[in-house]
Amino acid sequence: MIRRIILIGAVLSIPVIVYMAVYHGQPPNVTFSEAIEKTQHSSESDPASKVLVDVELLDVARLTDIEAKDNAGRVFRIEYTGTEPDRPLAPNTRARFVGHVHGGEPPIFHATQVLLP
């Protein structure tokens, strides 16, 4: 009887766990403007929501100060504080950054992870 209860519980809960991991495991892919909007609609007590931004790198003088252009054509600054990427970042290449927007004038994207194609 207990074995049957455990088996039924596993059969019912495993798909739910997989769905939650897929749905909540990867941050949404947005433009820089959409990332700013997400930040404006959250309260100060909430942690900043992580998002994924696809960019073309324009200027990579330092990892902590990168100039990039998103898919909508908006140019913005990225402050990258993650680990050193496997390959060096170079201008005129594509990359994906995971992070959040810090308000201010102008707003900047604080990235903690970079994904290179």
C-alpha atoms as a PDB file:
ATOM      1  CA  MET A   1       0.000   0.000   0.000  1.00  0.00           C
ATOM      2  CA  ILE A   2       2.755   2.466   0.941  1.00  0.00           C
ATOM      3  CA  ARG A   3       4.703   1.499  -2.161  1.00  0.00           C
ATOM      4  CA  ARG A   4       1.649   2.312  -4.296  1.00  0.00           C
ATOM      5  CA  ILE A   5       1.245   5.736  -2.602  1.00  0.00           C
ATOM      6  CA  ILE A   6       4.923   6.558  -3.176  1.00  0.00           C
ATOM      7  CA  LEU A   7       4.733   5.440  -6.812  1.00  0.00           C
ATOM      8  CA  ILE A   8       1.592   7.495  -7.473  1.00  0.00           C
ATOM      9  CA  GLY A   9       3.158  10.521  -5.732  1.00  0.00           C
ATOM     10  CA  ALA A  10       6.315  10.228  -7.848  1.00  0.00           C
ATOM     11  CA  VAL A  11       4.352   9.833 -11.091  1.00  0.00           C
ATOM     12  CA  LEU A  12       2.316  12.947 -10.286  1.00  0.00           C
ATOM     13  CA  SER A  13       5.101  15.143  -8.904  1.00  0.00           C
ATOM     14  CA  ILE A  14       7.945  14.479 -11.392  1.00  0.00           C
ATOM     15  CA  PRO A  15       6.189  16.212 -14.340  1.00  0.00           C
ATOM     16  CA  VAL A  16       5.366  19.181 -12.111  1.00  0.00           C
ATOM     17  CA  ILE A  17       8.999  19.460 -10.980  1.00  0.00           C
ATOM     18  CA  VAL A  18      10.265  19.228 -14.568  1.00  0.00           C
ATOM     19  CA  TYR A  19       7.778  21.899 -15.695  1.00  0.00           C
ATOM     20  CA  MET A  20       8.818  24.234 -12.859  1.00  0.00           C
ATOM     21  CA  ALA A  21      12.510  23.746 -13.644  1.00  0.00           C
ATOM     22  CA  VAL A  22      12.032  24.486 -17.350  1.00  0.00           C
ATOM     23  CA  TYR A  23       9.668  27.422 -16.833  1.00  0.00           C
ATOM     24  CA  HIS A  24      11.517  29.079 -13.951  1.00  0.00           C
ATOM     25  CA  GLY A  25      15.046  27.837 -14.643  1.00  0.00           C
ATOM     26  CA  GLN A  26      15.914  30.093 -17.580  1.00  0.00           C
ATOM     27  CA  PRO A  27      15.466  33.849 -17.406  1.00  0.00           C
ATOM     28  CA  PRO A  28      13.301  35.437 -20.105  1.00  0.00           C
ATOM     29  CA  ASN A  29      15.011  36.765 -23.234  1.00  0.00           C
ATOM     30  CA  VAL A  30      14.254  40.518 -23.492  1.00  0.00           C
ATOM     31  CA  THR A  31      15.566  43.741 -25.007  1.00  0.00           C
ATOM     32  CA  PHE A  32      17.256  46.353 -22.847  1.00  0.00           C
ATOM     33  CA  SER A  33      14.107  48.519 -22.878  1.00  0.00           C
ATOM     34  CA  GLU A  34      11.999  45.573 -21.686  1.00  0.00           C
ATOM     35  CA  ALA A  35      14.555  44.901 -18.920  1.00  0.00           C
ATOM     36  CA  ILE A  36      14.229  48.537 -17.773  1.00  0.00           C
ATOM     37  CA  GLU A  37      10.450  48.177 -17.758  1.00  0.00           C
ATOM     38  CA  LYS A  38      10.675  45.016 -15.614  1.00  0.00           C
ATOM     39  CA  THR A  39      12.819  46.928 -13.113  1.00  0.00           C
ATOM     40  CA  GLN A  40      10.394  49.864 -12.946  1.00  0.00           C
ATOM     41  CA  HIS A  41       7.436  47.594 -12.186  1.00  0.00           C
ATOM     42  CA  SER A  42       9.102  45.815  -9.262  1.00  0.00           C
ATOM     43  CA  SER A  43       9.189  47.134  -5.713  1.00  0.00           C
ATOM     44  CA  GLU A  44      12.409  48.079  -3.967  1.00  0.00           C
ATOM     45  CA  SER A  45      12.107  45.192  -1.507  1.00  0.00           C
ATOM     46  CA  ASP A  46      11.914  42.605  -4.315  1.00  0.00           C
ATOM     47  CA  PRO A  47      15.179  41.220  -5.647  1.00  0.00           C
ATOM     48  CA  ALA A  48      15.974  42.346  -9.181  1.00  0.00           C
ATOM     49  CA  SER A  49      14.557  39.914 -11.708  1.00  0.00           C
ATOM     50  CA  LYS A  50      17.179  38.246 -13.876  1.00  0.00           C
ATOM     51  CA  VAL A  51      16.788  38.507 -17.625  1.00  0.00           C
ATOM     52  CA  LEU A  52      18.724  37.386 -20.689  1.00  0.00           C
ATOM     53  CA  VAL A  53      19.788  40.006 -23.260  1.00  0.00           C
ATOM     54  CA  ASP A  54      21.202  39.139 -26.711  1.00  0.00           C
ATOM     55  CA  VAL A  55      23.683  41.799 -27.822  1.00  0.00           C
ATOM     56  CA  GLU A  56      26.291  42.765 -30.363  1.00  0.00           C
ATOM     57  CA  LEU A  57      29.423  43.946 -28.587  1.00  0.00           C
ATOM     58  CA  LEU A  58      30.580  47.398 -29.703  1.00  0.00           C
ATOM     59  CA  ASP A  59      33.378  48.326 -27.283  1.00  0.00           C
ATOM     60  CA  VAL A  60      35.082  45.981 -24.821  1.00  0.00           C
ATOM     61  CA  ALA A  61      37.750  48.129 -23.184  1.00  0.00           C
ATOM     62  CA  ARG A  62      37.270  46.323 -19.851  1.00  0.00           C
ATOM     63  CA  LEU A  63      34.933  43.551 -18.703  1.00  0.00           C
ATOM     64  CA  THR A  64      33.432  45.902 -16.135  1.00  0.00           C
ATOM     65  CA  ASP A  65      32.582  48.496 -18.810  1.00  0.00           C
ATOM     66  CA  ILE A  66      31.199  47.113 -22.076  1.00  0.00           C
ATOM     67  CA  GLU A  67      29.222  48.976 -24.711  1.00  0.00           C
ATOM     68  CA  ALA A  68      26.634  46.842 -26.520  1.00  0.00           C
ATOM     69  CA  LYS A  69      23.653  47.031 -28.873  1.00  0.00           C
ATOM     70  CA  ASP A  70      20.584  44.846 -28.347  1.00  0.00           C
ATOM     71  CA  ASN A  71      18.364  43.301 -31.036  1.00  0.00           C
ATOM     72  CA  ALA A  72      16.151  46.418 -31.072  1.00  0.00           C
ATOM     73  CA  GLY A  73      19.176  48.600 -31.910  1.00  0.00           C
ATOM     74  CA  ARG A  74      19.470  50.330 -28.524  1.00  0.00           C
ATOM     75  CA  VAL A  75      23.044  51.033 -27.388  1.00  0.00           C
ATOM     76  CA  PHE A  76      23.728  50.678 -23.645  1.00  0.00           C
ATOM     77  CA  ARG A  77      26.470  49.923 -21.137  1.00  0.00           C
ATOM     78  CA  ILE A  78      27.044  46.565 -19.452  1.00  0.00           C
ATOM     79  CA  GLU A  79      28.863  46.166 -16.159  1.00  0.00           C
ATOM     80  CA  TYR A  80      30.030  42.539 -16.119  1.00  0.00           C
ATOM     81  CA  THR A  81      31.029  41.170 -12.707  1.00  0.00           C
ATOM     82  CA  GLY A  82      30.936  37.432 -13.412  1.00  0.00           C
ATOM     83  CA  THR A  83      33.766  35.003 -13.954  1.00  0.00           C
ATOM     84  CA  GLU A  84      36.227  35.439 -16.803  1.00  0.00           C
ATOM     85  CA  PRO A  85      34.658  34.043 -20.012  1.00  0.00           C
ATOM     86  CA  ASP A  86      36.260  31.059 -21.761  1.00  0.00           C
ATOM     87  CA  ARG A  87      37.030  33.173 -24.818  1.00  0.00           C
ATOM     88  CA  PRO A  88      37.857  36.881 -24.790  1.00  0.00           C
ATOM     89  CA  LEU A  89      35.048  39.265 -25.641  1.00  0.00           C
ATOM     90  CA  ALA A  90      35.721  41.212 -28.825  1.00  0.00           C
ATOM     91  CA  PRO A  91      33.933  44.049 -30.653  1.00  0.00           C
ATOM     92  CA  ASN A  92      31.541  43.119 -33.480  1.00  0.00           C
ATOM     93  CA  THR A  93      30.718  39.718 -31.966  1.00  0.00           C
ATOM     94  CA  ARG A  94      27.475  38.411 -30.456  1.00  0.00           C
ATOM     95  CA  ALA A  95      26.970  37.402 -26.833  1.00  0.00           C
ATOM     96  CA  ARG A  96      24.171  36.747 -24.349  1.00  0.00           C
ATOM     97  CA  PHE A  97      24.289  38.302 -20.891  1.00  0.00           C
ATOM     98  CA  VAL A  98      22.299  37.278 -17.818  1.00  0.00           C
ATOM     99  CA  GLY A  99      21.674  39.995 -15.268  1.00  0.00           C
ATOM    100  CA  HIS A 100      19.436  42.907 -14.316  1.00  0.00           C
ATOM    101  CA  VAL A 101      19.147  46.650 -14.870  1.00  0.00           C
ATOM    102  CA  HIS A 102      20.348  49.261 -12.393  1.00  0.00           C
ATOM    103  CA  GLY A 103      18.451  52.523 -12.651  1.00  0.00           C
ATOM    104  CA  GLY A 104      20.148  55.854 -12.901  1.00  0.00           C
ATOM    105  CA  GLU A 105      21.061  58.168 -15.710  1.00  0.00           C
ATOM    106  CA  PRO A 106      21.808  56.409 -17.926  1.00  0.00           C
ATOM    107  CA  PRO A 107      20.631  52.981 -16.738  1.00  0.00           C
ATOM    108  CA  ILE A 108      23.181  50.162 -16.992  1.00  0.00           C
ATOM    109  CA  PHE A 109      22.843  46.396 -17.289  1.00  0.00           C
ATOM    110  CA  HIS A 110      24.598  44.560 -14.445  1.00  0.00           C
ATOM    111  CA  ALA A 111      25.535  41.140 -15.861  1.00  0.00           C
ATOM    112  CA  THR A 112      26.713  38.202 -13.775  1.00  0.00           C
ATOM    113  CA  GLN A 113      26.990  35.614 -16.537  1.00  0.00           C
ATOM    114  CA  VAL A 114      27.962  35.679 -20.217  1.00  0.00           C
ATOM    115  CA  LEU A 115      27.068  33.023 -22.795  1.00  0.00           C
ATOM    116  CA  LEU A 116      29.089  33.015 -25.988  1.00  0.00           C
ATOM    117  CA  PRO A 117      27.866  31.302 -29.174  1.00  0.00           C
END
